[in-house]
Amino acid sequence: MHDTEGVILRLKTAEGHLRGIQRMVEEDAYCIDVIRQIQAVQAALNKVSTQILDEHLNSCLVTAVQGDDPAERQRVLKEIAEVFEAATRV
């Protein structure tokens, strides 16, 4: 992964927001405000996931597709399919 620092920064930001949500719940904050903060954390995590997937597609997947090992190619393609299948179940 090329942008490890960027990914870590985004994850730390999401972690801080999640702690804020915990405080909001403990302080019995307005439900809609809590939900909005949860949605913001989900969006941040989605951005991290997209960034990591993009790196994977442009490195591991390209390498496997261009390689000479059909089993490796199938394994990597199956992983990608499983990621997308899991994402649609959420």
PDB file of N, CA and C in Angstrom:
ATOM      1  N   MET A   1       0.844  -1.169   0.000  1.00  0.00           N
ATOM      2  CA  MET A   1       0.000   0.000   0.000  1.00  0.00           C
ATOM      3  C   MET A   1       0.895   1.239   0.000  1.00  0.00           C
ATOM      4  N   HIS A   2       0.621   2.151  -0.912  1.00  0.00           N
ATOM      5  CA  HIS A   2       1.479   3.314  -1.073  1.00  0.00           C
ATOM      6  C   HIS A   2       1.172   4.438  -0.086  1.00  0.00           C
ATOM      7  N   ASP A   3      -0.088   4.640   0.246  1.00  0.00           N
ATOM      8  CA  ASP A   3      -0.465   5.769   1.093  1.00  0.00           C
ATOM      9  C   ASP A   3      -0.821   5.302   2.494  1.00  0.00           C
ATOM     10  N   THR A   4       0.079   4.568   3.106  1.00  0.00           N
ATOM     11  CA  THR A   4      -0.171   4.043   4.438  1.00  0.00           C
ATOM     12  C   THR A   4      -0.446   5.162   5.433  1.00  0.00           C
ATOM     13  N   GLU A   5       0.311   6.230   5.357  1.00  0.00           N
ATOM     14  CA  GLU A   5       0.118   7.349   6.291  1.00  0.00           C
ATOM     15  C   GLU A   5      -1.270   7.964   6.142  1.00  0.00           C
ATOM     16  N   GLY A   6      -1.730   8.112   4.915  1.00  0.00           N
ATOM     17  CA  GLY A   6      -3.064   8.664   4.680  1.00  0.00           C
ATOM     18  C   GLY A   6      -4.152   7.764   5.222  1.00  0.00           C
ATOM     19  N   VAL A   7      -3.987   6.464   5.036  1.00  0.00           N
ATOM     20  CA  VAL A   7      -4.965   5.505   5.542  1.00  0.00           C
ATOM     21  C   VAL A   7      -4.992   5.544   7.071  1.00  0.00           C
ATOM     22  N   ILE A   8      -3.825   5.542   7.688  1.00  0.00           N
ATOM     23  CA  ILE A   8      -3.743   5.586   9.152  1.00  0.00           C
ATOM     24  C   ILE A   8      -4.388   6.864   9.675  1.00  0.00           C
ATOM     25  N   LEU A   9      -4.128   7.989   9.021  1.00  0.00           N
ATOM     26  CA  LEU A   9      -4.721   9.258   9.445  1.00  0.00           C
ATOM     27  C   LEU A   9      -6.243   9.199   9.374  1.00  0.00           C
ATOM     28  N   ARG A  10      -6.770   8.671   8.284  1.00  0.00           N
ATOM     29  CA  ARG A  10      -8.230   8.547   8.151  1.00  0.00           C
ATOM     30  C   ARG A  10      -8.795   7.641   9.229  1.00  0.00           C
ATOM     31  N   LEU A  11      -8.117   6.529   9.522  1.00  0.00           N
ATOM     32  CA  LEU A  11      -8.597   5.605  10.554  1.00  0.00           C
ATOM     33  C   LEU A  11      -8.563   6.251  11.936  1.00  0.00           C
ATOM     34  N   LYS A  12      -7.529   7.011  12.223  1.00  0.00           N
ATOM     35  CA  LYS A  12      -7.453   7.707  13.515  1.00  0.00           C
ATOM     36  C   LYS A  12      -8.550   8.755  13.632  1.00  0.00           C
ATOM     37  N   THR A  13      -8.835   9.431  12.536  1.00  0.00           N
ATOM     38  CA  THR A  13      -9.920  10.413  12.534  1.00  0.00           C
ATOM     39  C   THR A  13     -11.252   9.723  12.812  1.00  0.00           C
ATOM     40  N   ALA A  14     -11.496   8.608  12.133  1.00  0.00           N
ATOM     41  CA  ALA A  14     -12.732   7.849  12.357  1.00  0.00           C
ATOM     42  C   ALA A  14     -12.800   7.359  13.801  1.00  0.00           C
ATOM     43  N   GLU A  15     -11.673   6.915  14.326  1.00  0.00           N
ATOM     44  CA  GLU A  15     -11.626   6.453  15.715  1.00  0.00           C
ATOM     45  C   GLU A  15     -12.008   7.586  16.671  1.00  0.00           C
ATOM     46  N   GLY A  16     -11.489   8.774  16.426  1.00  0.00           N
ATOM     47  CA  GLY A  16     -11.839   9.930  17.260  1.00  0.00           C
ATOM     48  C   GLY A  16     -13.324  10.248  17.195  1.00  0.00           C
ATOM     49  N   HIS A  17     -13.883  10.180  15.996  1.00  0.00           N
ATOM     50  CA  HIS A  17     -15.315  10.416  15.845  1.00  0.00           C
ATOM     51  C   HIS A  17     -16.125   9.346  16.574  1.00  0.00           C
ATOM     52  N   LEU A  18     -15.664   8.108  16.508  1.00  0.00           N
ATOM     53  CA  LEU A  18     -16.373   7.019  17.178  1.00  0.00           C
ATOM     54  C   LEU A  18     -16.371   7.229  18.692  1.00  0.00           C
ATOM     55  N   ARG A  19     -15.258   7.680  19.220  1.00  0.00           N
ATOM     56  CA  ARG A  19     -15.206   7.992  20.659  1.00  0.00           C
ATOM     57  C   ARG A  19     -16.184   9.121  20.996  1.00  0.00           C
ATOM     58  N   GLY A  20     -16.275  10.090  20.078  1.00  0.00           N
ATOM     59  CA  GLY A  20     -17.240  11.171  20.267  1.00  0.00           C
ATOM     60  C   GLY A  20     -18.666  10.653  20.303  1.00  0.00           C
ATOM     61  N   ILE A  21     -18.960   9.686  19.452  1.00  0.00           N
ATOM     62  CA  ILE A  21     -20.292   9.084  19.432  1.00  0.00           C
ATOM     63  C   ILE A  21     -20.563   8.380  20.761  1.00  0.00           C
ATOM     64  N   GLN A  22     -19.564   7.680  21.277  1.00  0.00           N
ATOM     65  CA  GLN A  22     -19.731   7.009  22.567  1.00  0.00           C
ATOM     66  C   GLN A  22     -20.072   8.023  23.650  1.00  0.00           C
ATOM     67  N   ARG A  23     -19.377   9.161  23.646  1.00  0.00           N
ATOM     68  CA  ARG A  23     -19.672  10.214  24.632  1.00  0.00           C
ATOM     69  C   ARG A  23     -21.087  10.753  24.442  1.00  0.00           C
ATOM     70  N   MET A  24     -21.464  10.940  23.185  1.00  0.00           N
ATOM     71  CA  MET A  24     -22.814  11.441  22.907  1.00  0.00           C
ATOM     72  C   MET A  24     -23.870  10.502  23.470  1.00  0.00           C
ATOM     73  N   VAL A  25     -23.663   9.192  23.286  1.00  0.00           N
ATOM     74  CA  VAL A  25     -24.627   8.215  23.798  1.00  0.00           C
ATOM     75  C   VAL A  25     -24.644   8.247  25.328  1.00  0.00           C
ATOM     76  N   GLU A  26     -23.455   8.308  25.926  1.00  0.00           N
ATOM     77  CA  GLU A  26     -23.375   8.372  27.395  1.00  0.00           C
ATOM     78  C   GLU A  26     -24.074   9.618  27.939  1.00  0.00           C
ATOM     79  N   GLU A  27     -23.999  10.709  27.191  1.00  0.00           N
ATOM     80  CA  GLU A  27     -24.602  11.972  27.619  1.00  0.00           C
ATOM     81  C   GLU A  27     -26.039  12.119  27.136  1.00  0.00           C
ATOM     82  N   ASP A  28     -26.587  11.050  26.548  1.00  0.00           N
ATOM     83  CA  ASP A  28     -27.968  11.016  26.086  1.00  0.00           C
ATOM     84  C   ASP A  28     -28.251  12.137  25.078  1.00  0.00           C
ATOM     85  N   ALA A  29     -27.362  12.272  24.102  1.00  0.00           N
ATOM     86  CA  ALA A  29     -27.516  13.290  23.062  1.00  0.00           C
ATOM     87  C   ALA A  29     -28.729  12.976  22.188  1.00  0.00           C
ATOM     88  N   TYR A  30     -29.157  13.975  21.459  1.00  0.00           N
ATOM     89  CA  TYR A  30     -30.292  13.846  20.553  1.00  0.00           C
ATOM     90  C   TYR A  30     -30.010  12.740  19.537  1.00  0.00           C
ATOM     91  N   CYS A  31     -30.963  11.837  19.385  1.00  0.00           N
ATOM     92  CA  CYS A  31     -30.776  10.630  18.558  1.00  0.00           C
ATOM     93  C   CYS A  31     -30.335  10.946  17.131  1.00  0.00           C
ATOM     94  N   ILE A  32     -30.941  11.936  16.519  1.00  0.00           N
ATOM     95  CA  ILE A  32     -30.613  12.272  15.131  1.00  0.00           C
ATOM     96  C   ILE A  32     -29.170  12.743  15.028  1.00  0.00           C
ATOM     97  N   ASP A  33     -28.701  13.485  16.026  1.00  0.00           N
ATOM     98  CA  ASP A  33     -27.305  13.921  16.028  1.00  0.00           C
ATOM     99  C   ASP A  33     -26.365  12.721  16.110  1.00  0.00           C
ATOM    100  N   VAL A  34     -26.731  11.734  16.930  1.00  0.00           N
ATOM    101  CA  VAL A  34     -25.916  10.517  17.051  1.00  0.00           C
ATOM    102  C   VAL A  34     -25.892   9.782  15.715  1.00  0.00           C
ATOM    103  N   ILE A  35     -27.049   9.645  15.102  1.00  0.00           N
ATOM    104  CA  ILE A  35     -27.145   8.945  13.816  1.00  0.00           C
ATOM    105  C   ILE A  35     -26.310   9.654  12.755  1.00  0.00           C
ATOM    106  N   ARG A  36     -26.352  10.965  12.737  1.00  0.00           N
ATOM    107  CA  ARG A  36     -25.549  11.716  11.757  1.00  0.00           C
ATOM    108  C   ARG A  36     -24.056  11.466  11.963  1.00  0.00           C
ATOM    109  N   GLN A  37     -23.632  11.405  13.205  1.00  0.00           N
ATOM    110  CA  GLN A  37     -22.221  11.136  13.488  1.00  0.00           C
ATOM    111  C   GLN A  37     -21.849   9.700  13.093  1.00  0.00           C
ATOM    112  N   ILE A  38     -22.742   8.769  13.331  1.00  0.00           N
ATOM    113  CA  ILE A  38     -22.501   7.382  12.908  1.00  0.00           C
ATOM    114  C   ILE A  38     -22.358   7.327  11.391  1.00  0.00           C
ATOM    115  N   GLN A  39     -23.212   8.042  10.685  1.00  0.00           N
ATOM    116  CA  GLN A  39     -23.127   8.068   9.227  1.00  0.00           C
ATOM    117  C   GLN A  39     -21.810   8.680   8.764  1.00  0.00           C
ATOM    118  N   ALA A  40     -21.321   9.684   9.474  1.00  0.00           N
ATOM    119  CA  ALA A  40     -20.044  10.291   9.116  1.00  0.00           C
ATOM    120  C   ALA A  40     -18.898   9.295   9.292  1.00  0.00           C
ATOM    121  N   VAL A  41     -18.938   8.506  10.369  1.00  0.00           N
ATOM    122  CA  VAL A  41     -17.902   7.486  10.585  1.00  0.00           C
ATOM    123  C   VAL A  41     -17.994   6.419   9.503  1.00  0.00           C
ATOM    124  N   GLN A  42     -19.212   5.994   9.178  1.00  0.00           N
ATOM    125  CA  GLN A  42     -19.373   4.999   8.111  1.00  0.00           C
ATOM    126  C   GLN A  42     -18.829   5.521   6.791  1.00  0.00           C
ATOM    127  N   ALA A  43     -19.079   6.784   6.484  1.00  0.00           N
ATOM    128  CA  ALA A  43     -18.568   7.369   5.242  1.00  0.00           C
ATOM    129  C   ALA A  43     -17.044   7.402   5.256  1.00  0.00           C
ATOM    130  N   ALA A  44     -16.461   7.761   6.396  1.00  0.00           N
ATOM    131  CA  ALA A  44     -14.999   7.797   6.498  1.00  0.00           C
ATOM    132  C   ALA A  44     -14.405   6.406   6.299  1.00  0.00           C
ATOM    133  N   LEU A  45     -15.021   5.396   6.906  1.00  0.00           N
ATOM    134  CA  LEU A  45     -14.533   4.025   6.740  1.00  0.00           C
ATOM    135  C   LEU A  45     -14.718   3.546   5.301  1.00  0.00           C
ATOM    136  N   ASN A  46     -15.804   3.956   4.672  1.00  0.00           N
ATOM    137  CA  ASN A  46     -16.005   3.603   3.263  1.00  0.00           C
ATOM    138  C   ASN A  46     -14.912   4.202   2.388  1.00  0.00           C
ATOM    139  N   LYS A  47     -14.493   5.428   2.693  1.00  0.00           N
ATOM    140  CA  LYS A  47     -13.410   6.053   1.929  1.00  0.00           C
ATOM    141  C   LYS A  47     -12.105   5.292   2.112  1.00  0.00           C
ATOM    142  N   VAL A  48     -11.835   4.864   3.338  1.00  0.00           N
ATOM    143  CA  VAL A  48     -10.623   4.077   3.594  1.00  0.00           C
ATOM    144  C   VAL A  48     -10.691   2.761   2.822  1.00  0.00           C
ATOM    145  N   SER A  49     -11.828   2.107   2.888  1.00  0.00           N
ATOM    146  CA  SER A  49     -12.001   0.842   2.185  1.00  0.00           C
ATOM    147  C   SER A  49     -11.807   1.022   0.683  1.00  0.00           C
ATOM    148  N   THR A  50     -12.374   2.068   0.126  1.00  0.00           N
ATOM    149  CA  THR A  50     -12.232   2.350  -1.301  1.00  0.00           C
ATOM    150  C   THR A  50     -10.776   2.623  -1.665  1.00  0.00           C
ATOM    151  N   GLN A  51     -10.093   3.366  -0.820  1.00  0.00           N
ATOM    152  CA  GLN A  51      -8.681   3.677  -1.071  1.00  0.00           C
ATOM    153  C   GLN A  51      -7.834   2.409  -1.060  1.00  0.00           C
ATOM    154  N   ILE A  52      -8.064   1.542  -0.081  1.00  0.00           N
ATOM    155  CA  ILE A  52      -7.303   0.292   0.011  1.00  0.00           C
ATOM    156  C   ILE A  52      -7.637  -0.616  -1.172  1.00  0.00           C
ATOM    157  N   LEU A  53      -8.908  -0.701  -1.524  1.00  0.00           N
ATOM    158  CA  LEU A  53      -9.310  -1.529  -2.661  1.00  0.00           C
ATOM    159  C   LEU A  53      -8.681  -1.017  -3.949  1.00  0.00           C
ATOM    160  N   ASP A  54      -8.652   0.296  -4.130  1.00  0.00           N
ATOM    161  CA  ASP A  54      -8.032   0.881  -5.321  1.00  0.00           C
ATOM    162  C   ASP A  54      -6.560   0.493  -5.414  1.00  0.00           C
ATOM    163  N   GLU A  55      -5.861   0.584  -4.297  1.00  0.00           N
ATOM    164  CA  GLU A  55      -4.446   0.173  -4.267  1.00  0.00           C
ATOM    165  C   GLU A  55      -4.315  -1.306  -4.629  1.00  0.00           C
ATOM    166  N   HIS A  56      -5.200  -2.121  -4.086  1.00  0.00           N
ATOM    167  CA  HIS A  56      -5.148  -3.561  -4.351  1.00  0.00           C
ATOM    168  C   HIS A  56      -5.393  -3.847  -5.837  1.00  0.00           C
ATOM    169  N   LEU A  57      -6.402  -3.197  -6.395  1.00  0.00           N
ATOM    170  CA  LEU A  57      -6.720  -3.420  -7.808  1.00  0.00           C
ATOM    171  C   LEU A  57      -5.565  -3.005  -8.709  1.00  0.00           C
ATOM    172  N   ASN A  58      -4.879  -1.933  -8.331  1.00  0.00           N
ATOM    173  CA  ASN A  58      -3.798  -1.422  -9.163  1.00  0.00           C
ATOM    174  C   ASN A  58      -2.447  -2.053  -8.875  1.00  0.00           C
ATOM    175  N   SER A  59      -2.394  -2.962  -7.930  1.00  0.00           N
ATOM    176  CA  SER A  59      -1.119  -3.637  -7.650  1.00  0.00           C
ATOM    177  C   SER A  59      -1.308  -5.154  -7.705  1.00  0.00           C
ATOM    178  N   CYS A  60      -1.904  -5.705  -6.682  1.00  0.00           N
ATOM    179  CA  CYS A  60      -2.033  -7.166  -6.588  1.00  0.00           C
ATOM    180  C   CYS A  60      -2.837  -7.761  -7.743  1.00  0.00           C
ATOM    181  N   LEU A  61      -3.970  -7.151  -8.046  1.00  0.00           N
ATOM    182  CA  LEU A  61      -4.815  -7.687  -9.107  1.00  0.00           C
ATOM    183  C   LEU A  61      -4.129  -7.600 -10.459  1.00  0.00           C
ATOM    184  N   VAL A  62      -3.540  -6.459 -10.760  1.00  0.00           N
ATOM    185  CA  VAL A  62      -2.844  -6.291 -12.039  1.00  0.00           C
ATOM    186  C   VAL A  62      -1.713  -7.305 -12.158  1.00  0.00           C
ATOM    187  N   THR A  63      -0.951  -7.480 -11.095  1.00  0.00           N
ATOM    188  CA  THR A  63       0.147  -8.441 -11.100  1.00  0.00           C
ATOM    189  C   THR A  63      -0.365  -9.855 -11.364  1.00  0.00           C
ATOM    190  N   ALA A  64      -1.463 -10.223 -10.689  1.00  0.00           N
ATOM    191  CA  ALA A  64      -2.015 -11.578 -10.867  1.00  0.00           C
ATOM    192  C   ALA A  64      -2.556 -11.775 -12.276  1.00  0.00           C
ATOM    193  N   VAL A  65      -3.254 -10.783 -12.801  1.00  0.00           N
ATOM    194  CA  VAL A  65      -3.846 -10.909 -14.138  1.00  0.00           C
ATOM    195  C   VAL A  65      -2.759 -10.989 -15.210  1.00  0.00           C
ATOM    196  N   GLN A  66      -1.672 -10.256 -15.023  1.00  0.00           N
ATOM    197  CA  GLN A  66      -0.596 -10.264 -15.999  1.00  0.00           C
ATOM    198  C   GLN A  66       0.355 -11.442 -15.801  1.00  0.00           C
ATOM    199  N   GLY A  67       0.229 -12.144 -14.684  1.00  0.00           N
ATOM    200  CA  GLY A  67       1.130 -13.246 -14.378  1.00  0.00           C
ATOM    201  C   GLY A  67       0.801 -14.508 -15.156  1.00  0.00           C
ATOM    202  N   ASP A  68       1.662 -15.489 -14.988  1.00  0.00           N
ATOM    203  CA  ASP A  68       1.532 -16.747 -15.723  1.00  0.00           C
ATOM    204  C   ASP A  68       0.811 -17.844 -14.938  1.00  0.00           C
ATOM    205  N   ASP A  69       0.388 -17.542 -13.704  1.00  0.00           N
ATOM    206  CA  ASP A  69      -0.223 -18.565 -12.853  1.00  0.00           C
ATOM    207  C   ASP A  69      -1.741 -18.419 -12.855  1.00  0.00           C
ATOM    208  N   PRO A  70      -2.451 -19.294 -13.602  1.00  0.00           N
ATOM    209  CA  PRO A  70      -3.908 -19.186 -13.668  1.00  0.00           C
ATOM    210  C   PRO A  70      -4.580 -19.381 -12.312  1.00  0.00           C
ATOM    211  N   ALA A  71      -4.010 -20.222 -11.447  1.00  0.00           N
ATOM    212  CA  ALA A  71      -4.596 -20.442 -10.122  1.00  0.00           C
ATOM    213  C   ALA A  71      -4.526 -19.173  -9.282  1.00  0.00           C
ATOM    214  N   GLU A  72      -3.413 -18.462  -9.353  1.00  0.00           N
ATOM    215  CA  GLU A  72      -3.262 -17.197  -8.621  1.00  0.00           C
ATOM    216  C   GLU A  72      -4.228 -16.156  -9.164  1.00  0.00           C
ATOM    217  N   ARG A  73      -4.371 -16.118 -10.459  1.00  0.00           N
ATOM    218  CA  ARG A  73      -5.303 -15.185 -11.098  1.00  0.00           C
ATOM    219  C   ARG A  73      -6.723 -15.452 -10.589  1.00  0.00           C
ATOM    220  N   GLN A  74      -7.126 -16.702 -10.581  1.00  0.00           N
ATOM    221  CA  GLN A  74      -8.464 -17.063 -10.105  1.00  0.00           C
ATOM    222  C   GLN A  74      -8.647 -16.748  -8.623  1.00  0.00           C
ATOM    223  N   ARG A  75      -7.609 -16.985  -7.825  1.00  0.00           N
ATOM    224  CA  ARG A  75      -7.690 -16.714  -6.390  1.00  0.00           C
ATOM    225  C   ARG A  75      -7.931 -15.231  -6.137  1.00  0.00           C
ATOM    226  N   VAL A  76      -7.175 -14.386  -6.820  1.00  0.00           N
ATOM    227  CA  VAL A  76      -7.296 -12.944  -6.623  1.00  0.00           C
ATOM    228  C   VAL A  76      -8.655 -12.450  -7.125  1.00  0.00           C
ATOM    229  N   LEU A  77      -9.097 -12.942  -8.270  1.00  0.00           N
ATOM    230  CA  LEU A  77     -10.408 -12.544  -8.783  1.00  0.00           C
ATOM    231  C   LEU A  77     -11.526 -12.992  -7.849  1.00  0.00           C
ATOM    232  N   LYS A  78     -11.390 -14.175  -7.271  1.00  0.00           N
ATOM    233  CA  LYS A  78     -12.389 -14.677  -6.318  1.00  0.00           C
ATOM    234  C   LYS A  78     -12.432 -13.794  -5.073  1.00  0.00           C
ATOM    235  N   GLU A  79     -11.270 -13.358  -4.604  1.00  0.00           N
ATOM    236  CA  GLU A  79     -11.224 -12.462  -3.446  1.00  0.00           C
ATOM    237  C   GLU A  79     -11.993 -11.174  -3.723  1.00  0.00           C
ATOM    238  N   ILE A  80     -11.774 -10.609  -4.890  1.00  0.00           N
ATOM    239  CA  ILE A  80     -12.457  -9.365  -5.253  1.00  0.00           C
ATOM    240  C   ILE A  80     -13.965  -9.597  -5.294  1.00  0.00           C
ATOM    241  N   ALA A  81     -14.391 -10.683  -5.899  1.00  0.00           N
ATOM    242  CA  ALA A  81     -15.815 -10.997  -5.968  1.00  0.00           C
ATOM    243  C   ALA A  81     -16.405 -11.157  -4.567  1.00  0.00           C
ATOM    244  N   GLU A  82     -15.670 -11.801  -3.672  1.00  0.00           N
ATOM    245  CA  GLU A  82     -16.145 -11.996  -2.299  1.00  0.00           C
ATOM    246  C   GLU A  82     -16.278 -10.671  -1.556  1.00  0.00           C
ATOM    247  N   VAL A  83     -15.347  -9.757  -1.796  1.00  0.00           N
ATOM    248  CA  VAL A  83     -15.423  -8.442  -1.152  1.00  0.00           C
ATOM    249  C   VAL A  83     -16.691  -7.715  -1.596  1.00  0.00           C
ATOM    250  N   PHE A  84     -16.970  -7.731  -2.897  1.00  0.00           N
ATOM    251  CA  PHE A  84     -18.144  -7.055  -3.390  1.00  0.00           C
ATOM    252  C   PHE A  84     -19.427  -7.748  -2.935  1.00  0.00           C
ATOM    253  N   GLU A  85     -19.396  -9.072  -2.863  1.00  0.00           N
ATOM    254  CA  GLU A  85     -20.570  -9.801  -2.377  1.00  0.00           C
ATOM    255  C   GLU A  85     -20.857  -9.451  -0.921  1.00  0.00           C
ATOM    256  N   ALA A  86     -19.828  -9.401  -0.104  1.00  0.00           N
ATOM    257  CA  ALA A  86     -19.997  -9.045   1.304  1.00  0.00           C
ATOM    258  C   ALA A  86     -20.512  -7.618   1.440  1.00  0.00           C
ATOM    259  N   ALA A  87     -20.050  -6.733   0.581  1.00  0.00           N
ATOM    260  CA  ALA A  87     -20.477  -5.330   0.663  1.00  0.00           C
ATOM    261  C   ALA A  87     -21.973  -5.173   0.345  1.00  0.00           C
ATOM    262  N   THR A  88     -22.488  -6.027  -0.501  1.00  0.00           N
ATOM    263  CA  THR A  88     -23.899  -5.917  -0.854  1.00  0.00           C
ATOM    264  C   THR A  88     -24.809  -6.525   0.213  1.00  0.00           C
ATOM    265  N   ARG A  89     -24.242  -7.334   1.107  1.00  0.00           N
ATOM    266  CA  ARG A  89     -25.033  -7.936   2.191  1.00  0.00           C
ATOM    267  C   ARG A  89     -25.226  -6.975   3.353  1.00  0.00           C
ATOM    268  N   VAL A  90     -24.412  -5.944   3.416  1.00  0.00           N
ATOM    269  CA  VAL A  90     -24.460  -5.036   4.582  1.00  0.00           C
ATOM    270  C   VAL A  90     -25.665  -4.159   4.553  1.00  0.00           C
TER     271      VAL A  90
END
